[in-house]
Amino acid sequence: MLNTKRSLTVAALICATALSAADYSRRAPGFALPDSKTQLHDLYDYRGKVVILEFMQTTCPHCNAFASVLNEVQQKYRDRVAIISIVNPPDTQNTVIPYIATHKVTYPILFDCGQVAYSYLRATSFDPPQVYLIDANGGIREDIGYSPATKDFFEGKGIFSHLDALLKK
């Protein structure tokens, strides 16, 4: 009886260790949203790539700084990393088109009425930018909002170590 209890305890510890070492993530909610040219972009179309999903606003100074960082990401990783930005009202085509031109954005900026933002953020309001790093299998690996602690991620080179780690998996 004692050996059976000891065996069960050892088995439970092994299982607990394995579970704590496992890399869990929440599945990224799917969506299909239009860009400024009314072309639909479906998250599923990016399966197999690491995706940077940014919820932003054209008047947000941190989003403006992050646009330059995302252009660097695009140059460094090319087709290994997909970038998708999503805006919500009050942004419209009238605010997004000049933003694209000013920041030389070549990745899609999509229009959401709030439903996709809610499915990710699980809150009715948020302060942009909010970024989700999604792995090649469609799992959310990181959820990063702007703060003084994450300034380097949004305005410096901090995002590159996060992407390098995801691409090695």
C-alpha atoms as a PDB file:
ATOM      1  CA  MET A   1       0.000   0.000   0.000  1.00  0.00           C
ATOM      2  CA  LEU A   2       2.822   2.391   0.882  1.00  0.00           C
ATOM      3  CA  ASN A   3       4.557   1.734  -2.466  1.00  0.00           C
ATOM      4  CA  THR A   4       1.290   2.389  -4.314  1.00  0.00           C
ATOM      5  CA  LYS A   5       0.864   5.744  -2.534  1.00  0.00           C
ATOM      6  CA  ARG A   6       4.487   6.643  -3.201  1.00  0.00           C
ATOM      7  CA  SER A   7       4.112   5.681  -6.877  1.00  0.00           C
ATOM      8  CA  LEU A   8       0.959   7.778  -7.189  1.00  0.00           C
ATOM      9  CA  THR A   9       2.688  10.732  -5.510  1.00  0.00           C
ATOM     10  CA  VAL A  10       5.676  10.466  -7.847  1.00  0.00           C
ATOM     11  CA  ALA A  11       3.373  10.168 -10.859  1.00  0.00           C
ATOM     12  CA  ALA A  12       1.404  13.222  -9.730  1.00  0.00           C
ATOM     13  CA  LEU A  13       4.611  15.232  -9.310  1.00  0.00           C
ATOM     14  CA  ILE A  14       5.820  14.228 -12.768  1.00  0.00           C
ATOM     15  CA  CYS A  15       2.486  15.234 -14.310  1.00  0.00           C
ATOM     16  CA  ALA A  16       2.451  18.543 -12.429  1.00  0.00           C
ATOM     17  CA  THR A  17       5.997  19.303 -13.600  1.00  0.00           C
ATOM     18  CA  ALA A  18       5.121  18.467 -17.190  1.00  0.00           C
ATOM     19  CA  LEU A  19       2.002  20.636 -17.064  1.00  0.00           C
ATOM     20  CA  SER A  20       3.828  23.617 -15.579  1.00  0.00           C
ATOM     21  CA  ALA A  21       6.542  23.334 -18.235  1.00  0.00           C
ATOM     22  CA  ALA A  22       4.013  23.219 -21.072  1.00  0.00           C
ATOM     23  CA  ASP A  23       3.566  26.388 -23.104  1.00  0.00           C
ATOM     24  CA  TYR A  24      -0.115  27.268 -23.006  1.00  0.00           C
ATOM     25  CA  SER A  25      -1.776  29.993 -24.980  1.00  0.00           C
ATOM     26  CA  ARG A  26      -5.238  31.221 -25.752  1.00  0.00           C
ATOM     27  CA  ARG A  27      -6.377  30.706 -29.325  1.00  0.00           C
ATOM     28  CA  ALA A  28      -6.482  33.996 -31.194  1.00  0.00           C
ATOM     29  CA  PRO A  29     -10.104  34.860 -32.031  1.00  0.00           C
ATOM     30  CA  GLY A  30     -10.723  34.750 -35.762  1.00  0.00           C
ATOM     31  CA  PHE A  31     -11.920  37.692 -37.790  1.00  0.00           C
ATOM     32  CA  ALA A  32     -12.338  39.007 -41.322  1.00  0.00           C
ATOM     33  CA  LEU A  33     -12.140  42.800 -41.555  1.00  0.00           C
ATOM     34  CA  PRO A  34     -11.834  45.281 -44.435  1.00  0.00           C
ATOM     35  CA  ASP A  35      -8.885  47.563 -45.083  1.00  0.00           C
ATOM     36  CA  SER A  36      -9.039  51.067 -46.580  1.00  0.00           C
ATOM     37  CA  LYS A  37      -9.461  49.555 -50.066  1.00  0.00           C
ATOM     38  CA  THR A  38     -12.355  47.368 -48.811  1.00  0.00           C
ATOM     39  CA  GLN A  39     -10.255  44.219 -49.251  1.00  0.00           C
ATOM     40  CA  LEU A  40     -11.055  41.648 -46.543  1.00  0.00           C
ATOM     41  CA  HIS A  41      -8.255  40.257 -44.388  1.00  0.00           C
ATOM     42  CA  ASP A  42      -8.911  37.025 -42.505  1.00  0.00           C
ATOM     43  CA  LEU A  43      -6.596  36.096 -39.627  1.00  0.00           C
ATOM     44  CA  TYR A  44      -6.705  32.487 -40.827  1.00  0.00           C
ATOM     45  CA  ASP A  45      -4.924  33.558 -44.035  1.00  0.00           C
ATOM     46  CA  TYR A  46      -1.833  34.286 -41.943  1.00  0.00           C
ATOM     47  CA  ARG A  47      -1.629  30.808 -40.371  1.00  0.00           C
ATOM     48  CA  GLY A  48       1.926  29.502 -40.468  1.00  0.00           C
ATOM     49  CA  LYS A  49       3.428  32.923 -39.707  1.00  0.00           C
ATOM     50  CA  VAL A  50       4.023  34.822 -36.532  1.00  0.00           C
ATOM     51  CA  VAL A  51       1.504  37.673 -36.454  1.00  0.00           C
ATOM     52  CA  ILE A  52       1.797  41.043 -34.761  1.00  0.00           C
ATOM     53  CA  LEU A  53      -1.772  42.187 -34.170  1.00  0.00           C
ATOM     54  CA  GLU A  54      -1.921  45.825 -33.117  1.00  0.00           C
ATOM     55  CA  PHE A  55      -4.990  47.693 -31.916  1.00  0.00           C
ATOM     56  CA  MET A  56      -4.137  51.324 -32.565  1.00  0.00           C
ATOM     57  CA  GLN A  57      -5.478  54.810 -33.132  1.00  0.00           C
ATOM     58  CA  THR A  58      -4.138  57.314 -35.655  1.00  0.00           C
ATOM     59  CA  THR A  59      -3.978  60.112 -33.055  1.00  0.00           C
ATOM     60  CA  CYS A  60      -2.057  58.034 -30.494  1.00  0.00           C
ATOM     61  CA  PRO A  61       1.571  59.259 -30.184  1.00  0.00           C
ATOM     62  CA  HIS A  62       2.785  55.808 -29.081  1.00  0.00           C
ATOM     63  CA  CYS A  63       1.069  54.217 -32.094  1.00  0.00           C
ATOM     64  CA  ASN A  64       2.820  56.741 -34.323  1.00  0.00           C
ATOM     65  CA  ALA A  65       6.204  55.789 -32.852  1.00  0.00           C
ATOM     66  CA  PHE A  66       5.353  52.090 -33.114  1.00  0.00           C
ATOM     67  CA  ALA A  67       4.626  52.475 -36.853  1.00  0.00           C
ATOM     68  CA  SER A  68       8.347  53.163 -37.401  1.00  0.00           C
ATOM     69  CA  VAL A  69       9.252  50.103 -35.336  1.00  0.00           C
ATOM     70  CA  LEU A  70       6.822  47.968 -37.357  1.00  0.00           C
ATOM     71  CA  ASN A  71       8.430  49.176 -40.592  1.00  0.00           C
ATOM     72  CA  GLU A  72      11.789  47.954 -39.210  1.00  0.00           C
ATOM     73  CA  VAL A  73      10.196  44.633 -38.245  1.00  0.00           C
ATOM     74  CA  GLN A  74       8.872  44.262 -41.775  1.00  0.00           C
ATOM     75  CA  GLN A  75      12.309  44.916 -43.271  1.00  0.00           C
ATOM     76  CA  LYS A  76      14.097  42.511 -40.920  1.00  0.00           C
ATOM     77  CA  TYR A  77      11.699  39.555 -40.940  1.00  0.00           C
ATOM     78  CA  ARG A  78      10.055  40.005 -44.349  1.00  0.00           C
ATOM     79  CA  ASP A  79       7.478  37.253 -44.951  1.00  0.00           C
ATOM     80  CA  ARG A  80       8.218  35.361 -41.708  1.00  0.00           C
ATOM     81  CA  VAL A  81       6.197  37.860 -39.660  1.00  0.00           C
ATOM     82  CA  ALA A  82       2.833  39.337 -40.641  1.00  0.00           C
ATOM     83  CA  ILE A  83       1.726  42.697 -39.279  1.00  0.00           C
ATOM     84  CA  ILE A  84      -1.922  43.655 -38.934  1.00  0.00           C
ATOM     85  CA  SER A  85      -3.175  46.874 -37.387  1.00  0.00           C
ATOM     86  CA  ILE A  86      -6.792  47.396 -36.403  1.00  0.00           C
ATOM     87  CA  VAL A  87      -8.525  50.723 -35.770  1.00  0.00           C
ATOM     88  CA  ASN A  88     -11.885  51.412 -34.179  1.00  0.00           C
ATOM     89  CA  PRO A  89     -14.080  54.517 -34.255  1.00  0.00           C
ATOM     90  CA  PRO A  90     -13.476  57.409 -34.219  1.00  0.00           C
ATOM     91  CA  ASP A  91     -10.881  56.419 -36.866  1.00  0.00           C
ATOM     92  CA  THR A  92     -12.240  56.248 -40.411  1.00  0.00           C
ATOM     93  CA  GLN A  93     -10.824  56.090 -43.930  1.00  0.00           C
ATOM     94  CA  ASN A  94     -10.387  59.872 -43.686  1.00  0.00           C
ATOM     95  CA  THR A  95      -7.936  59.468 -40.799  1.00  0.00           C
ATOM     96  CA  VAL A  96      -6.306  56.179 -41.811  1.00  0.00           C
ATOM     97  CA  ILE A  97      -5.358  57.053 -45.410  1.00  0.00           C
ATOM     98  CA  PRO A  98      -3.205  60.060 -44.388  1.00  0.00           C
ATOM     99  CA  TYR A  99      -1.689  57.959 -41.556  1.00  0.00           C
ATOM    100  CA  ILE A 100      -0.671  55.293 -44.090  1.00  0.00           C
ATOM    101  CA  ALA A 101       0.928  57.911 -46.327  1.00  0.00           C
ATOM    102  CA  THR A 102       2.712  59.748 -43.505  1.00  0.00           C
ATOM    103  CA  HIS A 103       4.194  56.587 -41.970  1.00  0.00           C
ATOM    104  CA  LYS A 104       4.750  54.736 -45.276  1.00  0.00           C
ATOM    105  CA  VAL A 105       2.699  51.813 -43.962  1.00  0.00           C
ATOM    106  CA  THR A 106       2.585  48.787 -46.265  1.00  0.00           C
ATOM    107  CA  TYR A 107       0.923  46.335 -43.861  1.00  0.00           C
ATOM    108  CA  PRO A 108      -2.879  46.314 -43.652  1.00  0.00           C
ATOM    109  CA  ILE A 109      -4.779  48.621 -41.336  1.00  0.00           C
ATOM    110  CA  LEU A 110      -8.215  47.137 -40.817  1.00  0.00           C
ATOM    111  CA  PHE A 111     -11.494  48.687 -39.685  1.00  0.00           C
ATOM    112  CA  ASP A 112     -13.361  47.227 -36.715  1.00  0.00           C
ATOM    113  CA  CYS A 113     -16.565  48.480 -35.101  1.00  0.00           C
ATOM    114  CA  GLY A 114     -15.392  47.149 -31.716  1.00  0.00           C
ATOM    115  CA  GLN A 115     -16.371  43.485 -31.884  1.00  0.00           C
ATOM    116  CA  VAL A 116     -12.892  42.141 -32.698  1.00  0.00           C
ATOM    117  CA  ALA A 117     -11.258  44.450 -30.163  1.00  0.00           C
ATOM    118  CA  TYR A 118     -13.632  43.178 -27.506  1.00  0.00           C
ATOM    119  CA  SER A 119     -12.946  39.530 -28.373  1.00  0.00           C
ATOM    120  CA  TYR A 120      -9.228  40.122 -27.779  1.00  0.00           C
ATOM    121  CA  LEU A 121      -9.217  42.671 -24.989  1.00  0.00           C
ATOM    122  CA  ARG A 122     -12.272  41.349 -23.152  1.00  0.00           C
ATOM    123  CA  ALA A 123     -12.977  44.913 -22.061  1.00  0.00           C
ATOM    124  CA  THR A 124     -15.235  47.654 -23.357  1.00  0.00           C
ATOM    125  CA  SER A 125     -12.462  50.253 -23.459  1.00  0.00           C
ATOM    126  CA  PHE A 126      -8.678  50.326 -23.701  1.00  0.00           C
ATOM    127  CA  ASP A 127      -5.775  52.659 -24.273  1.00  0.00           C
ATOM    128  CA  PRO A 128      -3.892  52.071 -27.512  1.00  0.00           C
ATOM    129  CA  PRO A 129      -1.575  50.662 -28.542  1.00  0.00           C
ATOM    130  CA  GLN A 130      -2.360  47.108 -27.518  1.00  0.00           C
ATOM    131  CA  VAL A 131      -0.376  44.348 -29.241  1.00  0.00           C
ATOM    132  CA  TYR A 132      -0.903  40.612 -29.445  1.00  0.00           C
ATOM    133  CA  LEU A 133       1.888  38.343 -30.609  1.00  0.00           C
ATOM    134  CA  ILE A 134       0.334  35.295 -32.222  1.00  0.00           C
ATOM    135  CA  ASP A 135       2.361  32.182 -32.984  1.00  0.00           C
ATOM    136  CA  ALA A 136       2.334  30.275 -36.265  1.00  0.00           C
ATOM    137  CA  ASN A 137      -0.369  27.936 -34.922  1.00  0.00           C
ATOM    138  CA  GLY A 138      -2.784  30.755 -34.056  1.00  0.00           C
ATOM    139  CA  GLY A 139      -2.142  30.944 -30.310  1.00  0.00           C
ATOM    140  CA  ILE A 140      -1.728  34.234 -28.454  1.00  0.00           C
ATOM    141  CA  ARG A 141       1.724  34.144 -26.873  1.00  0.00           C
ATOM    142  CA  GLU A 142       1.893  37.693 -25.564  1.00  0.00           C
ATOM    143  CA  ASP A 143      -0.498  40.543 -24.839  1.00  0.00           C
ATOM    144  CA  ILE A 144       1.365  43.835 -24.442  1.00  0.00           C
ATOM    145  CA  GLY A 145      -0.102  47.223 -23.676  1.00  0.00           C
ATOM    146  CA  TYR A 146       1.805  50.476 -23.640  1.00  0.00           C
ATOM    147  CA  SER A 147       3.252  51.580 -20.301  1.00  0.00           C
ATOM    148  CA  PRO A 148       6.543  53.059 -19.108  1.00  0.00           C
ATOM    149  CA  ALA A 149       7.745  49.471 -18.566  1.00  0.00           C
ATOM    150  CA  THR A 150       7.009  48.521 -22.203  1.00  0.00           C
ATOM    151  CA  LYS A 151       8.242  51.742 -23.829  1.00  0.00           C
ATOM    152  CA  ASP A 152      11.241  49.963 -25.426  1.00  0.00           C
ATOM    153  CA  PHE A 153       8.896  47.413 -27.015  1.00  0.00           C
ATOM    154  CA  PHE A 154       6.849  50.165 -28.701  1.00  0.00           C
ATOM    155  CA  GLU A 155       9.477  52.814 -29.321  1.00  0.00           C
ATOM    156  CA  GLY A 156      12.806  50.972 -29.363  1.00  0.00           C
ATOM    157  CA  LYS A 157      14.163  47.549 -30.246  1.00  0.00           C
ATOM    158  CA  GLY A 158      12.407  45.529 -27.537  1.00  0.00           C
ATOM    159  CA  ILE A 159      10.017  43.781 -29.915  1.00  0.00           C
ATOM    160  CA  PHE A 160      12.867  42.050 -31.750  1.00  0.00           C
ATOM    161  CA  SER A 161      13.804  39.716 -28.866  1.00  0.00           C
ATOM    162  CA  HIS A 162      10.138  38.732 -28.517  1.00  0.00           C
ATOM    163  CA  LEU A 163       9.894  37.922 -32.224  1.00  0.00           C
ATOM    164  CA  ASP A 164      13.216  36.061 -32.269  1.00  0.00           C
ATOM    165  CA  ALA A 165      11.970  33.848 -29.417  1.00  0.00           C
ATOM    166  CA  LEU A 166       8.689  33.122 -31.231  1.00  0.00           C
ATOM    167  CA  LEU A 167      10.414  32.316 -34.496  1.00  0.00           C
ATOM    168  CA  LYS A 168      12.746  29.804 -32.806  1.00  0.00           C
ATOM    169  CA  LYS A 169       9.817  27.705 -31.529  1.00  0.00           C
END
